[in-house]
Amino acid sequence: MANIIKRDRVRIRFLCDQVGELKTKGLNVRSVFDQCWNRIPETMIQKLNAEELLTYMQRHILPVEVALLTAEREAEAYKTKSA
């Protein structure tokens, strides 16, 4: 139960901090958070507090996810233009 509360705390802060940047890139903030959260190992979720998890997510996971999602979107746009 404690992990659910921690997830909610991190999610609220993440949404507040990243909503502007991710929306300008055309990404759904909630789905980006869910994908980033799923990449964090369970043991790390248990060990770190909410602030540390947020920092870890923003520094290490978010840039990779944004790059992947942007590349996927560009690939889809290329496929539709060339078809």
C-alpha atoms as a PDB file:
ATOM      1  CA  MET A   1       0.000   0.000   0.000  1.00  0.00           C
ATOM      2  CA  ALA A   2       2.866   2.362   0.751  1.00  0.00           C
ATOM      3  CA  ASN A   3       4.166   2.048  -2.812  1.00  0.00           C
ATOM      4  CA  ILE A   4       0.833   3.214  -4.212  1.00  0.00           C
ATOM      5  CA  ILE A   5       0.987   6.349  -2.093  1.00  0.00           C
ATOM      6  CA  LYS A   6       4.608   6.926  -3.125  1.00  0.00           C
ATOM      7  CA  ARG A   7       3.642   6.478  -6.772  1.00  0.00           C
ATOM      8  CA  ASP A   8       0.881   9.049  -6.419  1.00  0.00           C
ATOM      9  CA  ARG A   9       3.244  11.552  -4.790  1.00  0.00           C
ATOM     10  CA  VAL A  10       5.799  11.129  -7.538  1.00  0.00           C
ATOM     11  CA  ARG A  11       3.103  11.316 -10.210  1.00  0.00           C
ATOM     12  CA  ILE A  12       1.686  14.604  -8.922  1.00  0.00           C
ATOM     13  CA  ARG A  13       5.121  16.233  -8.811  1.00  0.00           C
ATOM     14  CA  PHE A  14       6.067  14.796 -12.212  1.00  0.00           C
ATOM     15  CA  LEU A  15       2.898  16.099 -13.839  1.00  0.00           C
ATOM     16  CA  CYS A  16       3.411  19.568 -12.360  1.00  0.00           C
ATOM     17  CA  ASP A  17       7.073  19.728 -13.359  1.00  0.00           C
ATOM     18  CA  GLN A  18       6.873  18.229 -16.852  1.00  0.00           C
ATOM     19  CA  VAL A  19       3.456  19.169 -18.242  1.00  0.00           C
ATOM     20  CA  GLY A  20       4.660  22.227 -20.167  1.00  0.00           C
ATOM     21  CA  GLU A  21       7.737  20.651 -21.700  1.00  0.00           C
ATOM     22  CA  LEU A  22       6.045  17.408 -22.723  1.00  0.00           C
ATOM     23  CA  LYS A  23       2.967  19.111 -24.158  1.00  0.00           C
ATOM     24  CA  THR A  24       5.138  21.326 -26.362  1.00  0.00           C
ATOM     25  CA  LYS A  25       6.655  18.118 -27.749  1.00  0.00           C
ATOM     26  CA  GLY A  26       3.164  16.734 -28.363  1.00  0.00           C
ATOM     27  CA  LEU A  27       3.381  13.957 -25.771  1.00  0.00           C
ATOM     28  CA  ASN A  28       0.746  12.761 -23.318  1.00  0.00           C
ATOM     29  CA  VAL A  29       2.137  13.522 -19.856  1.00  0.00           C
ATOM     30  CA  ARG A  30       0.262  10.755 -18.048  1.00  0.00           C
ATOM     31  CA  SER A  31       1.293   8.021 -20.444  1.00  0.00           C
ATOM     32  CA  VAL A  32       4.912   9.210 -20.345  1.00  0.00           C
ATOM     33  CA  PHE A  33       4.832   9.019 -16.547  1.00  0.00           C
ATOM     34  CA  ASP A  34       3.388   5.502 -16.640  1.00  0.00           C
ATOM     35  CA  GLN A  35       6.080   4.320 -19.037  1.00  0.00           C
ATOM     36  CA  CYS A  36       8.822   5.913 -16.942  1.00  0.00           C
ATOM     37  CA  TRP A  37       7.429   4.426 -13.722  1.00  0.00           C
ATOM     38  CA  ASN A  38       7.337   0.951 -15.243  1.00  0.00           C
ATOM     39  CA  ARG A  39      11.066   1.205 -15.999  1.00  0.00           C
ATOM     40  CA  ILE A  40      12.026   1.758 -12.336  1.00  0.00           C
ATOM     41  CA  PRO A  41      13.055  -1.482 -10.603  1.00  0.00           C
ATOM     42  CA  GLU A  42      10.808  -2.518  -7.698  1.00  0.00           C
ATOM     43  CA  THR A  43      13.734  -2.614  -5.263  1.00  0.00           C
ATOM     44  CA  MET A  44      14.564   0.991  -6.092  1.00  0.00           C
ATOM     45  CA  ILE A  45      10.943   2.013  -5.544  1.00  0.00           C
ATOM     46  CA  GLN A  46      11.067   0.442  -2.100  1.00  0.00           C
ATOM     47  CA  LYS A  47      14.417   1.994  -1.122  1.00  0.00           C
ATOM     48  CA  LEU A  48      14.112   5.566  -2.365  1.00  0.00           C
ATOM     49  CA  ASN A  49      11.720   8.207  -1.100  1.00  0.00           C
ATOM     50  CA  ALA A  50       9.372  10.101  -3.418  1.00  0.00           C
ATOM     51  CA  GLU A  51      11.737  13.019  -4.007  1.00  0.00           C
ATOM     52  CA  GLU A  52      14.646  10.728  -4.872  1.00  0.00           C
ATOM     53  CA  LEU A  53      12.456   8.690  -7.223  1.00  0.00           C
ATOM     54  CA  LEU A  54      11.304  11.840  -8.987  1.00  0.00           C
ATOM     55  CA  THR A  55      14.884  13.028  -9.426  1.00  0.00           C
ATOM     56  CA  TYR A  56      16.002   9.612 -10.684  1.00  0.00           C
ATOM     57  CA  MET A  57      13.115   9.483 -13.126  1.00  0.00           C
ATOM     58  CA  GLN A  58      13.739  12.980 -14.473  1.00  0.00           C
ATOM     59  CA  ARG A  59      17.498  12.553 -14.879  1.00  0.00           C
ATOM     60  CA  HIS A  60      17.843   8.989 -16.095  1.00  0.00           C
ATOM     61  CA  ILE A  61      14.575   7.635 -17.475  1.00  0.00           C
ATOM     62  CA  LEU A  62      12.656  10.612 -18.872  1.00  0.00           C
ATOM     63  CA  PRO A  63      15.224  11.674 -21.518  1.00  0.00           C
ATOM     64  CA  VAL A  64      15.336   8.142 -22.920  1.00  0.00           C
ATOM     65  CA  GLU A  65      11.543   7.811 -22.993  1.00  0.00           C
ATOM     66  CA  VAL A  66      11.096  11.191 -24.679  1.00  0.00           C
ATOM     67  CA  ALA A  67      13.692  10.277 -27.306  1.00  0.00           C
ATOM     68  CA  LEU A  68      12.010   6.923 -27.966  1.00  0.00           C
ATOM     69  CA  LEU A  69       8.522   8.397 -28.212  1.00  0.00           C
ATOM     70  CA  THR A  70       9.683  11.231 -30.453  1.00  0.00           C
ATOM     71  CA  ALA A  71      11.496   8.806 -32.749  1.00  0.00           C
ATOM     72  CA  GLU A  72       8.411   6.566 -32.929  1.00  0.00           C
ATOM     73  CA  ARG A  73       6.208   9.525 -33.778  1.00  0.00           C
ATOM     74  CA  GLU A  74       8.596  10.723 -36.478  1.00  0.00           C
ATOM     75  CA  ALA A  75       8.762   7.213 -37.946  1.00  0.00           C
ATOM     76  CA  GLU A  76       4.963   7.057 -38.071  1.00  0.00           C
ATOM     77  CA  ALA A  77       4.825  10.452 -39.764  1.00  0.00           C
ATOM     78  CA  TYR A  78       7.418   9.324 -42.308  1.00  0.00           C
ATOM     79  CA  LYS A  79       5.437   6.165 -43.081  1.00  0.00           C
ATOM     80  CA  THR A  80       2.237   8.107 -43.673  1.00  0.00           C
ATOM     81  CA  LYS A  81       4.002  10.654 -45.902  1.00  0.00           C
ATOM     82  CA  SER A  82       5.714   8.021 -48.019  1.00  0.00           C
ATOM     83  CA  ALA A  83       2.632   5.822 -48.396  1.00  0.00           C
END
